Amino acid sequence: MTMRIIVTGGAGFIGSAVCRHLVLDLGHDVLIIDKLTYAGNLASLATVASSPRYVFEKIDICDADEVRAIFSDYCPDAIIHLAAESHVDRSIAAPSTFVQTNVVGTFTLLEAAREYLRERKHLGTDHFRFIHVSTDEVYGSLGETGLFSETTAYDPSSPYSATKAASDHVAKAWHRTFGVPVIVSNCSNNYGPYQFPEKLIPLTILNALQGRPLPVYGNGSNIRDWLYVDDHAHALALLLERGVPGATYNIGARSEQRNIDVVRQICRCLDQLHPVEQPHDRLITYVTDRPGHDQRYAIDATKLETQLGWRPKETFETGIQKTVRWYLERPDWWKPLRDHVYSGDRIGAVI
């Protein structure tokens, strides 16, 4: 059955992957609302731009009047809320923006959804979903063993993770108090095509292509659980279809990697696909660690796997190979960003 779905932050990295999946693979009608900050890029939606199932509106999710009008005019069956400030380093440099977008913006959307459902009682909460997309960073840092589950206590370390934790609590409270049919997802680190080049994987690829240093924080021992973005998009579509309101689902691919090993894997891929005179790993440069840098994240996705039958299609090895190939083939997408938006310099090094 075709659904009408609002996707916030749909011009971003994960949001554009979700929209491509919803429109091209599943045939849903999608309205994207996006403020088009530095990380929003309509070029990421080129493959759906001509589809009659796709509509775009440039809107700030903190603007209550515009958000209410979108709900009233579009009459959605669901909303997938991905709009967020998401880069930890930028949250260190400018935390107020994160509080406004991640906390106030989420509140604004939840209130608009509550009003929309109240005015259209015939819809019923059985026929509407609010998917609130969050991060594993809300759980803080793990030791050498253990995994984050849906019941792990929150312990955020950065302004970014603190604001996402706050928005998770607001979303859950709006379900418990007001009956808004919210589903919360907490995902591990995403990677893949169309990722803004401030993040570790695209930054490493592009710096290597340009012969620039490949910065590795601290000694590179920090561990992240990596999730290919299309696998994440498929999981969110599954939550839309079969997720239980009020529930939380962790999304991760069971693919833990040390940061230094991620960088070295990229270098090996580039040595194979884009050989130069010397190995790319010669460019690896250790830099001062990020303030409050969590040591290890790892997701237990058993609930999503057993209850909804989700499995990632990509291993880290296959996903990183696809990602490196994509950046090699698409300078038309990333070069304007490197030239005019973000050149690759470090952000948030000084508190």
C-alpha atoms as a PDB file:
ATOM      1  CA  MET A   1       0.000   0.000   0.000  1.00  0.00           C
ATOM      2  CA  THR A   2       1.354   3.410  -0.961  1.00  0.00           C
ATOM      3  CA  MET A   3       2.014   5.722   1.980  1.00  0.00           C
ATOM      4  CA  ARG A   4       2.440   9.477   2.216  1.00  0.00           C
ATOM      5  CA  ILE A   5       5.579  10.052   4.271  1.00  0.00           C
ATOM      6  CA  ILE A   6       7.278  13.212   5.506  1.00  0.00           C
ATOM      7  CA  VAL A   7      11.049  12.842   5.790  1.00  0.00           C
ATOM      8  CA  THR A   8      12.829  15.566   7.727  1.00  0.00           C
ATOM      9  CA  GLY A   9      16.450  16.146   6.796  1.00  0.00           C
ATOM     10  CA  GLY A  10      15.827  14.325   3.548  1.00  0.00           C
ATOM     11  CA  ALA A  11      18.576  16.178   1.690  1.00  0.00           C
ATOM     12  CA  GLY A  12      21.185  14.897   4.134  1.00  0.00           C
ATOM     13  CA  PHE A  13      23.282  11.744   4.001  1.00  0.00           C
ATOM     14  CA  ILE A  14      20.971   9.219   5.675  1.00  0.00           C
ATOM     15  CA  GLY A  15      17.824  11.121   4.740  1.00  0.00           C
ATOM     16  CA  SER A  16      18.569  11.033   1.013  1.00  0.00           C
ATOM     17  CA  ALA A  17      19.260   7.283   1.191  1.00  0.00           C
ATOM     18  CA  VAL A  18      15.923   6.779   2.938  1.00  0.00           C
ATOM     19  CA  CYS A  19      14.103   8.865   0.319  1.00  0.00           C
ATOM     20  CA  ARG A  20      15.692   7.016  -2.585  1.00  0.00           C
ATOM     21  CA  HIS A  21      14.623   3.709  -1.027  1.00  0.00           C
ATOM     22  CA  LEU A  22      11.067   4.852  -0.250  1.00  0.00           C
ATOM     23  CA  VAL A  23      10.443   6.356  -3.697  1.00  0.00           C
ATOM     24  CA  LEU A  24      12.437   4.153  -6.074  1.00  0.00           C
ATOM     25  CA  ASP A  25      12.228   0.765  -4.351  1.00  0.00           C
ATOM     26  CA  LEU A  26       8.952   0.897  -2.419  1.00  0.00           C
ATOM     27  CA  GLY A  27       6.876   3.366  -4.455  1.00  0.00           C
ATOM     28  CA  HIS A  28       5.793   5.598  -1.580  1.00  0.00           C
ATOM     29  CA  ASP A  29       4.973   9.303  -1.848  1.00  0.00           C
ATOM     30  CA  VAL A  30       7.595  11.346  -0.012  1.00  0.00           C
ATOM     31  CA  LEU A  31       7.628  14.981   1.079  1.00  0.00           C
ATOM     32  CA  ILE A  32      11.085  16.105   2.150  1.00  0.00           C
ATOM     33  CA  ILE A  33      11.472  19.050   4.490  1.00  0.00           C
ATOM     34  CA  ASP A  34      15.008  20.309   4.933  1.00  0.00           C
ATOM     35  CA  LYS A  35      16.570  23.606   5.962  1.00  0.00           C
ATOM     36  CA  LEU A  36      19.469  22.970   3.539  1.00  0.00           C
ATOM     37  CA  THR A  37      22.244  23.804   5.974  1.00  0.00           C
ATOM     38  CA  TYR A  38      25.837  23.053   4.954  1.00  0.00           C
ATOM     39  CA  ALA A  39      25.226  19.263   5.002  1.00  0.00           C
ATOM     40  CA  GLY A  40      21.984  19.324   2.996  1.00  0.00           C
ATOM     41  CA  ASN A  41      22.491  18.761  -0.700  1.00  0.00           C
ATOM     42  CA  LEU A  42      19.744  18.456  -3.311  1.00  0.00           C
ATOM     43  CA  ALA A  43      22.275  16.783  -5.629  1.00  0.00           C
ATOM     44  CA  SER A  44      21.929  13.726  -3.375  1.00  0.00           C
ATOM     45  CA  LEU A  45      18.295  13.472  -4.513  1.00  0.00           C
ATOM     46  CA  ALA A  46      18.917  13.741  -8.249  1.00  0.00           C
ATOM     47  CA  THR A  47      17.695  10.201  -8.906  1.00  0.00           C
ATOM     48  CA  VAL A  48      14.244  10.965  -7.445  1.00  0.00           C
ATOM     49  CA  ALA A  49      13.966  14.635  -8.442  1.00  0.00           C
ATOM     50  CA  SER A  50      11.834  13.948 -11.516  1.00  0.00           C
ATOM     51  CA  SER A  51       9.515  11.475  -9.786  1.00  0.00           C
ATOM     52  CA  PRO A  52       5.899  12.552  -9.270  1.00  0.00           C
ATOM     53  CA  ARG A  53       6.141  10.810  -5.883  1.00  0.00           C
ATOM     54  CA  TYR A  54       8.722  13.310  -4.597  1.00  0.00           C
ATOM     55  CA  VAL A  55       8.105  16.799  -3.217  1.00  0.00           C
ATOM     56  CA  PHE A  56      10.625  19.113  -1.554  1.00  0.00           C
ATOM     57  CA  GLU A  57       9.994  22.007   0.829  1.00  0.00           C
ATOM     58  CA  LYS A  58      12.753  24.165   2.295  1.00  0.00           C
ATOM     59  CA  ILE A  59      11.658  24.472   5.919  1.00  0.00           C
ATOM     60  CA  ASP A  60      13.302  24.871   9.317  1.00  0.00           C
ATOM     61  CA  ILE A  61      11.861  22.221  11.655  1.00  0.00           C
ATOM     62  CA  CYS A  62      11.969  24.782  14.478  1.00  0.00           C
ATOM     63  CA  ASP A  63       9.401  26.949  12.666  1.00  0.00           C
ATOM     64  CA  ALA A  64       6.176  25.758  14.286  1.00  0.00           C
ATOM     65  CA  ASP A  65       3.823  27.535  11.872  1.00  0.00           C
ATOM     66  CA  GLU A  66       5.463  26.100   8.770  1.00  0.00           C
ATOM     67  CA  VAL A  67       5.664  22.616  10.257  1.00  0.00           C
ATOM     68  CA  ARG A  68       1.972  22.639  11.212  1.00  0.00           C
ATOM     69  CA  ALA A  69       1.067  23.852   7.738  1.00  0.00           C
ATOM     70  CA  ILE A  70       3.005  20.991   6.151  1.00  0.00           C
ATOM     71  CA  PHE A  71       1.128  18.418   8.234  1.00  0.00           C
ATOM     72  CA  SER A  72      -2.212  20.053   7.430  1.00  0.00           C
ATOM     73  CA  ASP A  73      -1.578  20.381   3.701  1.00  0.00           C
ATOM     74  CA  TYR A  74       0.181  17.071   3.043  1.00  0.00           C
ATOM     75  CA  CYS A  75      -1.866  14.798   5.368  1.00  0.00           C
ATOM     76  CA  PRO A  76       0.919  12.265   5.941  1.00  0.00           C
ATOM     77  CA  ASP A  77       0.574   8.654   7.053  1.00  0.00           C
ATOM     78  CA  ALA A  78       3.975   8.831   8.749  1.00  0.00           C
ATOM     79  CA  ILE A  79       7.008  10.952   9.478  1.00  0.00           C
ATOM     80  CA  ILE A  80      10.609   9.795   9.561  1.00  0.00           C
ATOM     81  CA  HIS A  81      12.519  12.385  11.567  1.00  0.00           C
ATOM     82  CA  LEU A  82      16.163  12.534  10.510  1.00  0.00           C
ATOM     83  CA  ALA A  83      16.844  16.277  10.581  1.00  0.00           C
ATOM     84  CA  ALA A  84      19.650  16.918  13.046  1.00  0.00           C
ATOM     85  CA  GLU A  85      22.986  18.538  13.569  1.00  0.00           C
ATOM     86  CA  SER A  86      25.172  15.444  13.705  1.00  0.00           C
ATOM     87  CA  HIS A  87      28.909  16.150  13.721  1.00  0.00           C
ATOM     88  CA  VAL A  88      30.515  15.816  17.157  1.00  0.00           C
ATOM     89  CA  ASP A  89      33.356  18.207  16.336  1.00  0.00           C
ATOM     90  CA  ARG A  90      30.909  20.927  15.286  1.00  0.00           C
ATOM     91  CA  SER A  91      28.939  20.395  18.520  1.00  0.00           C
ATOM     92  CA  ILE A  92      32.110  21.164  20.464  1.00  0.00           C
ATOM     93  CA  ALA A  93      32.656  24.347  18.474  1.00  0.00           C
ATOM     94  CA  ALA A  94      29.023  25.557  18.451  1.00  0.00           C
ATOM     95  CA  PRO A  95      26.734  23.623  20.833  1.00  0.00           C
ATOM     96  CA  SER A  96      23.821  26.075  20.779  1.00  0.00           C
ATOM     97  CA  THR A  97      22.886  25.110  17.221  1.00  0.00           C
ATOM     98  CA  PHE A  98      22.639  21.484  18.320  1.00  0.00           C
ATOM     99  CA  VAL A  99      20.316  22.305  21.192  1.00  0.00           C
ATOM    100  CA  GLN A 100      18.058  24.312  18.909  1.00  0.00           C
ATOM    101  CA  THR A 101      17.814  21.849  16.021  1.00  0.00           C
ATOM    102  CA  ASN A 102      18.005  18.521  17.843  1.00  0.00           C
ATOM    103  CA  VAL A 103      15.902  19.324  20.911  1.00  0.00           C
ATOM    104  CA  VAL A 104      13.639  22.237  19.993  1.00  0.00           C
ATOM    105  CA  GLY A 105      13.166  20.974  16.436  1.00  0.00           C
ATOM    106  CA  THR A 106      12.101  17.528  17.660  1.00  0.00           C
ATOM    107  CA  PHE A 107       9.675  19.098  20.137  1.00  0.00           C
ATOM    108  CA  THR A 108       8.191  21.241  17.361  1.00  0.00           C
ATOM    109  CA  LEU A 109       7.606  18.215  15.126  1.00  0.00           C
ATOM    110  CA  LEU A 110       6.067  16.161  17.924  1.00  0.00           C
ATOM    111  CA  GLU A 111       3.683  18.965  18.806  1.00  0.00           C
ATOM    112  CA  ALA A 112       2.672  19.337  15.150  1.00  0.00           C
ATOM    113  CA  ALA A 113       2.060  15.586  14.930  1.00  0.00           C
ATOM    114  CA  ARG A 114      -0.001  15.643  18.138  1.00  0.00           C
ATOM    115  CA  GLU A 115      -2.173  18.475  16.836  1.00  0.00           C
ATOM    116  CA  TYR A 116      -2.534  16.762  13.449  1.00  0.00           C
ATOM    117  CA  LEU A 117      -3.717  13.508  15.049  1.00  0.00           C
ATOM    118  CA  ARG A 118      -6.095  15.330  17.392  1.00  0.00           C
ATOM    119  CA  GLU A 119      -7.746  17.136  14.484  1.00  0.00           C
ATOM    120  CA  ARG A 120      -8.016  13.959  12.406  1.00  0.00           C
ATOM    121  CA  LYS A 121      -9.319  11.470  14.919  1.00  0.00           C
ATOM    122  CA  HIS A 122     -10.561   9.226  12.114  1.00  0.00           C
ATOM    123  CA  LEU A 123      -6.913   8.399  11.293  1.00  0.00           C
ATOM    124  CA  GLY A 124      -6.296   6.751  14.641  1.00  0.00           C
ATOM    125  CA  THR A 125      -2.846   6.042  15.962  1.00  0.00           C
ATOM    126  CA  ASP A 126      -2.948   2.609  14.307  1.00  0.00           C
ATOM    127  CA  HIS A 127      -2.556   4.327  10.936  1.00  0.00           C
ATOM    128  CA  PHE A 128       0.211   6.819  11.746  1.00  0.00           C
ATOM    129  CA  ARG A 129       3.844   6.473  12.761  1.00  0.00           C
ATOM    130  CA  PHE A 130       6.482   8.915  13.987  1.00  0.00           C
ATOM    131  CA  ILE A 131       9.932   7.374  13.504  1.00  0.00           C
ATOM    132  CA  HIS A 132      12.488   9.286  15.577  1.00  0.00           C
ATOM    133  CA  VAL A 133      15.981   8.437  14.323  1.00  0.00           C
ATOM    134  CA  SER A 134      18.756   8.688  16.885  1.00  0.00           C
ATOM    135  CA  THR A 135      22.264   7.424  17.572  1.00  0.00           C
ATOM    136  CA  ASP A 136      24.141   4.898  19.685  1.00  0.00           C
ATOM    137  CA  GLU A 137      26.216   7.785  21.043  1.00  0.00           C
ATOM    138  CA  VAL A 138      23.462   8.513  23.588  1.00  0.00           C
ATOM    139  CA  TYR A 139      24.645   5.441  25.523  1.00  0.00           C
ATOM    140  CA  GLY A 140      28.142   6.786  26.140  1.00  0.00           C
ATOM    141  CA  SER A 141      31.255   4.631  25.976  1.00  0.00           C
ATOM    142  CA  LEU A 142      31.678   0.883  26.367  1.00  0.00           C
ATOM    143  CA  GLY A 143      34.630  -0.938  27.870  1.00  0.00           C
ATOM    144  CA  GLU A 144      36.436  -3.733  26.075  1.00  0.00           C
ATOM    145  CA  THR A 145      33.397  -6.024  26.235  1.00  0.00           C
ATOM    146  CA  GLY A 146      29.634  -5.705  26.093  1.00  0.00           C
ATOM    147  CA  LEU A 147      27.079  -4.235  23.691  1.00  0.00           C
ATOM    148  CA  PHE A 148      24.501  -1.459  23.777  1.00  0.00           C
ATOM    149  CA  SER A 149      20.975  -2.825  24.120  1.00  0.00           C
ATOM    150  CA  GLU A 150      17.681  -0.966  24.044  1.00  0.00           C
ATOM    151  CA  THR A 151      17.721  -0.897  27.875  1.00  0.00           C
ATOM    152  CA  THR A 152      21.259   0.488  28.272  1.00  0.00           C
ATOM    153  CA  ALA A 153      21.261   3.588  30.469  1.00  0.00           C
ATOM    154  CA  TYR A 154      21.950   6.869  28.696  1.00  0.00           C
ATOM    155  CA  ASP A 155      25.348   8.447  29.395  1.00  0.00           C
ATOM    156  CA  PRO A 156      26.125  10.970  26.620  1.00  0.00           C
ATOM    157  CA  SER A 157      29.588  12.543  26.444  1.00  0.00           C
ATOM    158  CA  SER A 158      29.438  15.270  23.775  1.00  0.00           C
ATOM    159  CA  PRO A 159      27.073  18.184  23.155  1.00  0.00           C
ATOM    160  CA  TYR A 160      25.884  16.263  20.079  1.00  0.00           C
ATOM    161  CA  SER A 161      25.035  13.065  21.944  1.00  0.00           C
ATOM    162  CA  ALA A 162      23.521  15.011  24.847  1.00  0.00           C
ATOM    163  CA  THR A 163      21.092  16.801  22.532  1.00  0.00           C
ATOM    164  CA  LYS A 164      20.169  13.545  20.796  1.00  0.00           C
ATOM    165  CA  ALA A 165      19.597  11.917  24.186  1.00  0.00           C
ATOM    166  CA  ALA A 166      17.341  14.808  25.164  1.00  0.00           C
ATOM    167  CA  SER A 167      15.349  14.482  21.946  1.00  0.00           C
ATOM    168  CA  ASP A 168      14.939  10.729  22.520  1.00  0.00           C
ATOM    169  CA  HIS A 169      13.460  11.392  25.955  1.00  0.00           C
ATOM    170  CA  VAL A 170      11.119  14.047  24.579  1.00  0.00           C
ATOM    171  CA  ALA A 171       9.925  11.687  21.828  1.00  0.00           C
ATOM    172  CA  LYS A 172       9.281   8.846  24.278  1.00  0.00           C
ATOM    173  CA  ALA A 173       7.463  11.179  26.667  1.00  0.00           C
ATOM    174  CA  TRP A 174       5.171  12.386  23.862  1.00  0.00           C
ATOM    175  CA  HIS A 175       4.224   8.764  23.259  1.00  0.00           C
ATOM    176  CA  ARG A 176       3.592   7.942  26.919  1.00  0.00           C
ATOM    177  CA  THR A 177       1.813  11.177  27.825  1.00  0.00           C
ATOM    178  CA  PHE A 178       0.012  12.157  24.630  1.00  0.00           C
ATOM    179  CA  GLY A 179      -0.220   8.879  22.719  1.00  0.00           C
ATOM    180  CA  VAL A 180       1.789  10.031  19.685  1.00  0.00           C
ATOM    181  CA  PRO A 181       2.773   6.712  18.018  1.00  0.00           C
ATOM    182  CA  VAL A 182       6.529   7.219  18.298  1.00  0.00           C
ATOM    183  CA  ILE A 183       9.158   4.613  17.467  1.00  0.00           C
ATOM    184  CA  VAL A 184      12.762   5.431  18.428  1.00  0.00           C
ATOM    185  CA  SER A 185      15.747   3.959  16.609  1.00  0.00           C
ATOM    186  CA  ASN A 186      19.369   4.189  17.758  1.00  0.00           C
ATOM    187  CA  CYS A 187      21.846   3.402  15.011  1.00  0.00           C
ATOM    188  CA  SER A 188      25.583   2.872  14.860  1.00  0.00           C
ATOM    189  CA  ASN A 189      27.981   4.893  12.659  1.00  0.00           C
ATOM    190  CA  ASN A 190      26.704   5.148   9.092  1.00  0.00           C
ATOM    191  CA  TYR A 191      28.893   5.270   5.991  1.00  0.00           C
ATOM    192  CA  GLY A 192      28.409   5.049   2.238  1.00  0.00           C
ATOM    193  CA  PRO A 193      27.734   7.253  -0.810  1.00  0.00           C
ATOM    194  CA  TYR A 194      26.690  10.906  -0.455  1.00  0.00           C
ATOM    195  CA  GLN A 195      28.179  11.396   3.028  1.00  0.00           C
ATOM    196  CA  PHE A 196      29.295  14.946   3.739  1.00  0.00           C
ATOM    197  CA  PRO A 197      33.121  14.969   3.752  1.00  0.00           C
ATOM    198  CA  GLU A 198      33.589  16.073   7.370  1.00  0.00           C
ATOM    199  CA  LYS A 199      33.084  12.496   8.636  1.00  0.00           C
ATOM    200  CA  LEU A 200      35.945  10.003   9.014  1.00  0.00           C
ATOM    201  CA  ILE A 201      35.416   7.794   5.964  1.00  0.00           C
ATOM    202  CA  PRO A 202      34.751  10.396   3.234  1.00  0.00           C
ATOM    203  CA  LEU A 203      37.346  12.734   4.770  1.00  0.00           C
ATOM    204  CA  THR A 204      39.945   9.965   4.589  1.00  0.00           C
ATOM    205  CA  ILE A 205      39.051   9.048   1.007  1.00  0.00           C
ATOM    206  CA  LEU A 206      39.144  12.610  -0.282  1.00  0.00           C
ATOM    207  CA  ASN A 207      42.259  13.636   1.612  1.00  0.00           C
ATOM    208  CA  ALA A 208      44.023  10.549   0.256  1.00  0.00           C
ATOM    209  CA  LEU A 209      42.967  11.360  -3.307  1.00  0.00           C
ATOM    210  CA  GLN A 210      44.423  14.839  -2.884  1.00  0.00           C
ATOM    211  CA  GLY A 211      47.623  13.655  -1.180  1.00  0.00           C
ATOM    212  CA  ARG A 212      46.741  15.401   2.072  1.00  0.00           C
ATOM    213  CA  PRO A 213      47.355  14.035   5.607  1.00  0.00           C
ATOM    214  CA  LEU A 214      44.888  11.444   6.887  1.00  0.00           C
ATOM    215  CA  PRO A 215      44.148  12.599  10.468  1.00  0.00           C
ATOM    216  CA  VAL A 216      43.613   9.901  13.086  1.00  0.00           C
ATOM    217  CA  TYR A 217      42.568  11.070  16.560  1.00  0.00           C
ATOM    218  CA  GLY A 218      44.747   9.954  19.477  1.00  0.00           C
ATOM    219  CA  ASN A 219      46.288   6.547  18.818  1.00  0.00           C
ATOM    220  CA  GLY A 220      43.444   5.384  16.563  1.00  0.00           C
ATOM    221  CA  SER A 221      42.215   2.749  19.030  1.00  0.00           C
ATOM    222  CA  ASN A 222      38.663   4.123  19.346  1.00  0.00           C
ATOM    223  CA  ILE A 223      36.162   1.546  18.099  1.00  0.00           C
ATOM    224  CA  ARG A 224      32.959   2.145  16.171  1.00  0.00           C
ATOM    225  CA  ASP A 225      30.281  -0.234  14.871  1.00  0.00           C
ATOM    226  CA  TRP A 226      29.833   0.560  11.160  1.00  0.00           C
ATOM    227  CA  LEU A 227      26.520   0.391   9.272  1.00  0.00           C
ATOM    228  CA  TYR A 228      26.177   0.812   5.507  1.00  0.00           C
ATOM    229  CA  VAL A 229      23.654   3.579   4.888  1.00  0.00           C
ATOM    230  CA  ASP A 230      21.393   1.597   2.534  1.00  0.00           C
ATOM    231  CA  ASP A 231      21.076  -1.150   5.155  1.00  0.00           C
ATOM    232  CA  HIS A 232      19.993   1.531   7.610  1.00  0.00           C
ATOM    233  CA  ALA A 233      17.429   2.893   5.133  1.00  0.00           C
ATOM    234  CA  HIS A 234      15.945  -0.593   4.729  1.00  0.00           C
ATOM    235  CA  ALA A 235      15.726  -0.977   8.507  1.00  0.00           C
ATOM    236  CA  LEU A 236      13.848   2.313   8.898  1.00  0.00           C
ATOM    237  CA  ALA A 237      11.372   1.315   6.193  1.00  0.00           C
ATOM    238  CA  LEU A 238      10.818  -1.933   8.095  1.00  0.00           C
ATOM    239  CA  LEU A 239      10.152  -0.008  11.310  1.00  0.00           C
ATOM    240  CA  LEU A 240       7.631   2.084   9.405  1.00  0.00           C
ATOM    241  CA  GLU A 241       5.837  -1.070   8.305  1.00  0.00           C
ATOM    242  CA  ARG A 242       6.097  -3.313  11.365  1.00  0.00           C
ATOM    243  CA  GLY A 243       7.629  -1.423  14.289  1.00  0.00           C
ATOM    244  CA  VAL A 244       5.676  -1.185  17.533  1.00  0.00           C
ATOM    245  CA  PRO A 245       4.762   2.312  18.802  1.00  0.00           C
ATOM    246  CA  GLY A 246       6.504   3.084  22.053  1.00  0.00           C
ATOM    247  CA  ALA A 247       9.336   0.693  21.299  1.00  0.00           C
ATOM    248  CA  THR A 248      13.031   1.384  20.782  1.00  0.00           C
ATOM    249  CA  TYR A 249      15.110  -0.526  18.223  1.00  0.00           C
ATOM    250  CA  ASN A 250      18.895  -0.566  17.963  1.00  0.00           C
ATOM    251  CA  ILE A 251      20.241  -0.740  14.407  1.00  0.00           C
ATOM    252  CA  GLY A 252      23.781  -1.999  13.897  1.00  0.00           C
ATOM    253  CA  ALA A 253      25.641  -4.339  11.575  1.00  0.00           C
ATOM    254  CA  ARG A 254      27.866  -6.054  14.169  1.00  0.00           C
ATOM    255  CA  SER A 255      30.893  -4.598  12.424  1.00  0.00           C
ATOM    256  CA  GLU A 256      33.255  -3.169  15.022  1.00  0.00           C
ATOM    257  CA  GLN A 257      36.417  -1.549  13.681  1.00  0.00           C
ATOM    258  CA  ARG A 258      39.181   0.507  15.259  1.00  0.00           C
ATOM    259  CA  ASN A 259      39.465   3.927  13.639  1.00  0.00           C
ATOM    260  CA  ILE A 260      43.024   3.253  12.532  1.00  0.00           C
ATOM    261  CA  ASP A 261      41.921   0.008  10.883  1.00  0.00           C
ATOM    262  CA  VAL A 262      39.156   1.854   9.016  1.00  0.00           C
ATOM    263  CA  VAL A 263      41.700   4.300   7.651  1.00  0.00           C
ATOM    264  CA  ARG A 264      44.093   1.505   6.695  1.00  0.00           C
ATOM    265  CA  GLN A 265      41.292  -0.408   4.948  1.00  0.00           C
ATOM    266  CA  ILE A 266      40.470   2.677   2.895  1.00  0.00           C
ATOM    267  CA  CYS A 267      44.142   3.022   1.990  1.00  0.00           C
ATOM    268  CA  ARG A 268      44.246  -0.589   0.806  1.00  0.00           C
ATOM    269  CA  CYS A 269      41.153  -0.042  -1.334  1.00  0.00           C
ATOM    270  CA  LEU A 270      42.695   3.065  -2.872  1.00  0.00           C
ATOM    271  CA  ASP A 271      45.999   1.272  -3.490  1.00  0.00           C
ATOM    272  CA  GLN A 272      43.981  -1.244  -5.508  1.00  0.00           C
ATOM    273  CA  LEU A 273      41.508   1.071  -7.237  1.00  0.00           C
ATOM    274  CA  HIS A 274      43.552   4.268  -7.541  1.00  0.00           C
ATOM    275  CA  PRO A 275      47.241   3.304  -7.347  1.00  0.00           C
ATOM    276  CA  VAL A 276      49.912   5.981  -6.990  1.00  0.00           C
ATOM    277  CA  GLU A 277      53.673   5.766  -6.627  1.00  0.00           C
ATOM    278  CA  GLN A 278      53.617   5.186  -2.858  1.00  0.00           C
ATOM    279  CA  PRO A 279      51.011   3.449  -0.631  1.00  0.00           C
ATOM    280  CA  HIS A 280      48.286   5.753   0.611  1.00  0.00           C
ATOM    281  CA  ASP A 281      48.882   4.803   4.251  1.00  0.00           C
ATOM    282  CA  ARG A 282      52.040   6.936   4.184  1.00  0.00           C
ATOM    283  CA  LEU A 283      49.665   9.876   4.668  1.00  0.00           C
ATOM    284  CA  ILE A 284      48.337   8.668   8.055  1.00  0.00           C
ATOM    285  CA  THR A 285      48.928  11.365  10.677  1.00  0.00           C
ATOM    286  CA  TYR A 286      48.077  11.047  14.375  1.00  0.00           C
ATOM    287  CA  VAL A 287      46.551  14.218  15.841  1.00  0.00           C
ATOM    288  CA  THR A 288      45.437  15.403  19.281  1.00  0.00           C
ATOM    289  CA  ASP A 289      42.398  13.447  20.407  1.00  0.00           C
ATOM    290  CA  ARG A 290      38.903  14.909  20.413  1.00  0.00           C
ATOM    291  CA  PRO A 291      37.728  16.211  23.839  1.00  0.00           C
ATOM    292  CA  GLY A 292      35.457  13.645  25.521  1.00  0.00           C
ATOM    293  CA  HIS A 293      36.124  11.060  22.810  1.00  0.00           C
ATOM    294  CA  ASP A 294      34.218   7.836  23.617  1.00  0.00           C
ATOM    295  CA  GLN A 295      36.381   4.742  23.401  1.00  0.00           C
ATOM    296  CA  ARG A 296      34.008   2.116  22.010  1.00  0.00           C
ATOM    297  CA  TYR A 297      30.499   1.742  20.614  1.00  0.00           C
ATOM    298  CA  ALA A 298      28.897  -1.583  19.707  1.00  0.00           C
ATOM    299  CA  ILE A 299      25.242  -2.299  18.989  1.00  0.00           C
ATOM    300  CA  ASP A 300      23.214  -5.371  19.929  1.00  0.00           C
ATOM    301  CA  ALA A 301      20.619  -5.517  17.129  1.00  0.00           C
ATOM    302  CA  THR A 302      19.019  -8.778  18.322  1.00  0.00           C
ATOM    303  CA  LYS A 303      15.588  -7.197  18.842  1.00  0.00           C
ATOM    304  CA  LEU A 304      15.431  -5.864  15.274  1.00  0.00           C
ATOM    305  CA  GLU A 305      16.814  -9.114  13.872  1.00  0.00           C
ATOM    306  CA  THR A 306      14.528 -11.492  15.754  1.00  0.00           C
ATOM    307  CA  GLN A 307      11.293  -9.493  15.934  1.00  0.00           C
ATOM    308  CA  LEU A 308      11.331  -7.914  12.471  1.00  0.00           C
ATOM    309  CA  GLY A 309      13.748 -10.169  10.555  1.00  0.00           C
ATOM    310  CA  TRP A 310      16.176  -7.429   9.504  1.00  0.00           C
ATOM    311  CA  ARG A 311      19.701  -8.280   8.404  1.00  0.00           C
ATOM    312  CA  PRO A 312      22.363  -6.027   6.848  1.00  0.00           C
ATOM    313  CA  LYS A 313      23.303  -6.908   3.286  1.00  0.00           C
ATOM    314  CA  GLU A 314      26.791  -5.412   3.437  1.00  0.00           C
ATOM    315  CA  THR A 315      29.799  -6.445   5.461  1.00  0.00           C
ATOM    316  CA  PHE A 316      32.275  -3.714   6.279  1.00  0.00           C
ATOM    317  CA  GLU A 317      34.604  -5.049   3.592  1.00  0.00           C
ATOM    318  CA  THR A 318      31.966  -4.997   0.827  1.00  0.00           C
ATOM    319  CA  GLY A 319      30.502  -1.694   2.015  1.00  0.00           C
ATOM    320  CA  ILE A 320      33.812   0.148   2.181  1.00  0.00           C
ATOM    321  CA  GLN A 321      34.747  -1.125  -1.285  1.00  0.00           C
ATOM    322  CA  LYS A 322      31.449   0.226  -2.671  1.00  0.00           C
ATOM    323  CA  THR A 323      31.975   3.512  -0.841  1.00  0.00           C
ATOM    324  CA  VAL A 324      35.507   4.099  -2.110  1.00  0.00           C
ATOM    325  CA  ARG A 325      34.426   3.271  -5.674  1.00  0.00           C
ATOM    326  CA  TRP A 326      31.539   5.722  -5.427  1.00  0.00           C
ATOM    327  CA  TYR A 327      33.757   8.620  -4.335  1.00  0.00           C
ATOM    328  CA  LEU A 328      36.224   7.796  -7.089  1.00  0.00           C
ATOM    329  CA  GLU A 329      33.415   7.899  -9.659  1.00  0.00           C
ATOM    330  CA  ARG A 330      31.565  10.960  -8.338  1.00  0.00           C
ATOM    331  CA  PRO A 331      33.845  14.016  -8.102  1.00  0.00           C
ATOM    332  CA  ASP A 332      30.906  15.906  -9.627  1.00  0.00           C
ATOM    333  CA  TRP A 333      29.146  15.437  -6.267  1.00  0.00           C
ATOM    334  CA  TRP A 334      31.968  15.954  -3.765  1.00  0.00           C
ATOM    335  CA  LYS A 335      34.295  18.451  -5.469  1.00  0.00           C
ATOM    336  CA  PRO A 336      31.933  21.448  -5.120  1.00  0.00           C
ATOM    337  CA  LEU A 337      31.648  20.660  -1.409  1.00  0.00           C
ATOM    338  CA  ARG A 338      35.404  20.468  -0.936  1.00  0.00           C
ATOM    339  CA  ASP A 339      35.950  23.652  -2.945  1.00  0.00           C
ATOM    340  CA  HIS A 340      33.194  25.832  -1.501  1.00  0.00           C
ATOM    341  CA  VAL A 341      31.682  24.345   1.706  1.00  0.00           C
ATOM    342  CA  TYR A 342      34.201  22.290   3.689  1.00  0.00           C
ATOM    343  CA  SER A 343      37.840  21.966   2.666  1.00  0.00           C
ATOM    344  CA  GLY A 344      38.767  19.239   5.146  1.00  0.00           C
ATOM    345  CA  ASP A 345      40.261  21.342   7.951  1.00  0.00           C
ATOM    346  CA  ARG A 346      39.721  20.215  11.527  1.00  0.00           C
ATOM    347  CA  ILE A 347      36.758  21.549  13.524  1.00  0.00           C
ATOM    348  CA  GLY A 348      36.246  21.610  17.290  1.00  0.00           C
ATOM    349  CA  ALA A 349      39.859  21.112  18.351  1.00  0.00           C
ATOM    350  CA  VAL A 350      39.658  23.894  20.942  1.00  0.00           C
ATOM    351  CA  ILE A 351      36.956  24.152  23.596  1.00  0.00           C
END
